[in-house]
Amino acid sequence: TFGVQVTDRDGAKIFHLTGRLMDQQQADRLMKVLDENLSGKEGVNVVLDMGGLVYMNSTGLNIMINVLTRTRKLGGQILLAAVSHGVKQLFTVTKLDTLFPIVDSVDLAIAKLSH
């Protein structure tokens, strides 16, 4: 199963992703949560906490690209935090690790955004 919770910290929206992100229904649910939290908000920084995300496929990657585009278009930054080895490999193989800053923890992400 897939889950997402949202918290606010130091002006950033943190999306805590858990489980497996792999089908359109889960993708739609995540997009709905993202829309509710980001639509019309300029300059909002986003941290995707992937510490609890055990698996993701191309459906999940499409969402990540969508979030990256929207966040940057509105003048914000996006960071990926606590990415598991398996999920990180997906970013490396697709060369998306060059687009997304990946840090070891949410704390590091927040510190990086506050500079």
Protein backbone atom coordinates (compact mmCIF):
# COMPACT_ATOMS: atom_id res chain seq x y z
CA THR A 1 0.00 0.00 0.00
CA PHE A 2 0.98 3.61 -0.47
CA GLY A 3 0.61 6.51 1.94
CA VAL A 4 1.38 10.21 2.09
CA GLN A 5 1.34 12.64 5.01
CA VAL A 6 2.15 16.34 4.88
CA THR A 7 3.89 18.45 7.48
CA ASP A 8 5.14 22.04 7.47
CA ARG A 9 8.58 22.96 8.74
CA ASP A 10 10.45 26.25 8.44
CA GLY A 11 8.30 27.35 5.52
CA ALA A 12 8.73 24.12 3.56
CA LYS A 13 6.10 21.53 2.77
CA ILE A 14 7.30 18.05 3.60
CA PHE A 15 5.56 15.14 1.92
CA HIS A 16 6.26 11.89 3.78
CA LEU A 17 5.85 9.03 1.31
CA THR A 18 5.47 5.43 2.51
CA GLY A 19 4.96 2.03 0.94
CA ARG A 20 4.96 1.35 -2.79
CA LEU A 21 4.20 3.99 -5.44
CA MET A 22 3.46 2.05 -8.57
CA ASP A 23 -0.03 2.40 -10.01
CA GLN A 24 -2.18 5.17 -11.41
CA GLN A 25 -4.64 5.15 -8.51
CA GLN A 26 -1.82 5.81 -6.02
CA ALA A 27 -0.35 8.42 -8.36
CA ASP A 28 -3.69 10.20 -8.58
CA ARG A 29 -4.00 10.22 -4.78
CA LEU A 30 -0.54 11.72 -4.42
CA MET A 31 -1.25 14.34 -7.10
CA LYS A 32 -4.45 15.31 -5.27
CA VAL A 33 -2.54 15.80 -2.00
CA LEU A 34 0.16 17.78 -3.83
CA ASP A 35 -2.48 19.95 -5.53
CA GLU A 36 -4.22 20.67 -2.23
CA ASN A 37 -0.96 21.76 -0.63
CA LEU A 38 0.82 23.54 -3.47
CA SER A 39 -1.70 25.07 -5.87
CA GLY A 40 -1.43 28.83 -6.10
CA LYS A 41 1.41 29.03 -3.59
CA GLU A 42 4.45 30.77 -4.99
CA GLY A 43 7.95 30.11 -3.77
CA VAL A 44 7.04 27.13 -1.61
CA ASN A 45 9.93 24.75 -1.05
CA VAL A 46 9.13 21.05 -1.18
CA VAL A 47 10.85 18.13 0.53
CA LEU A 48 9.86 14.65 -0.55
CA ASP A 49 10.67 12.43 2.42
CA MET A 50 11.18 9.04 0.81
CA GLY A 51 12.51 7.24 3.87
CA GLY A 52 9.42 5.05 4.09
CA LEU A 53 9.04 4.55 0.33
CA VAL A 54 10.16 1.00 -0.38
CA TYR A 55 9.40 0.84 -4.09
CA MET A 56 8.63 3.18 -6.97
CA ASN A 57 8.36 2.64 -10.71
CA SER A 58 7.99 4.91 -13.76
CA THR A 59 4.54 6.03 -12.58
CA GLY A 60 6.19 7.48 -9.48
CA LEU A 61 9.00 9.03 -11.52
CA ASN A 62 6.45 10.84 -13.69
CA ILE A 63 4.94 12.39 -10.57
CA MET A 64 8.37 13.44 -9.29
CA ILE A 65 9.06 15.22 -12.60
CA ASN A 66 5.62 16.85 -12.45
CA VAL A 67 6.25 18.11 -8.90
CA LEU A 68 9.73 19.35 -9.86
CA THR A 69 8.34 21.31 -12.80
CA ARG A 70 5.48 22.84 -10.82
CA THR A 71 7.63 23.75 -7.82
CA ARG A 72 10.31 25.43 -9.91
CA LYS A 73 7.74 27.22 -12.06
CA LEU A 74 6.36 28.80 -8.87
CA GLY A 75 9.85 29.80 -7.73
CA GLY A 76 10.39 27.09 -5.13
CA GLN A 77 12.97 24.37 -4.70
CA ILE A 78 12.51 20.64 -4.35
CA LEU A 79 14.72 18.16 -2.50
CA LEU A 80 14.47 14.42 -2.07
CA ALA A 81 15.35 13.12 1.39
CA ALA A 82 16.21 9.71 2.83
CA VAL A 83 15.90 7.91 -0.51
CA SER A 84 16.29 4.14 -0.18
CA HIS A 85 18.98 2.35 -2.19
CA GLY A 86 16.46 0.74 -4.56
CA VAL A 87 14.61 3.97 -5.29
CA LYS A 88 17.88 5.91 -5.62
CA GLN A 89 19.04 3.42 -8.28
CA LEU A 90 15.95 4.29 -10.32
CA PHE A 91 16.95 7.96 -10.25
CA THR A 92 20.55 7.10 -11.15
CA VAL A 93 19.70 4.79 -14.06
CA THR A 94 17.31 7.38 -15.55
CA LYS A 95 19.84 10.20 -14.90
CA LEU A 96 17.17 12.04 -12.90
CA ASP A 97 19.59 12.23 -9.98
CA THR A 98 21.14 15.12 -11.93
CA LEU A 99 17.84 17.04 -11.75
CA PHE A 100 16.85 16.29 -8.17
CA PRO A 101 19.06 17.21 -5.22
CA ILE A 102 19.13 14.10 -3.01
CA VAL A 103 20.09 14.42 0.66
CA ASP A 104 20.35 11.86 3.46
CA SER A 105 17.63 13.22 5.76
CA VAL A 106 14.76 15.68 6.10
CA ASP A 107 16.87 17.65 8.60
CA LEU A 108 19.61 18.09 5.98
CA ALA A 109 17.02 19.09 3.39
CA ILE A 110 15.58 21.77 5.68
CA ALA A 111 19.09 23.03 6.51
CA LYS A 112 19.95 23.22 2.82
CA LEU A 113 16.75 25.15 2.02
CA SER A 114 17.29 27.67 4.81
CA HIS A 115 20.61 28.90 3.35
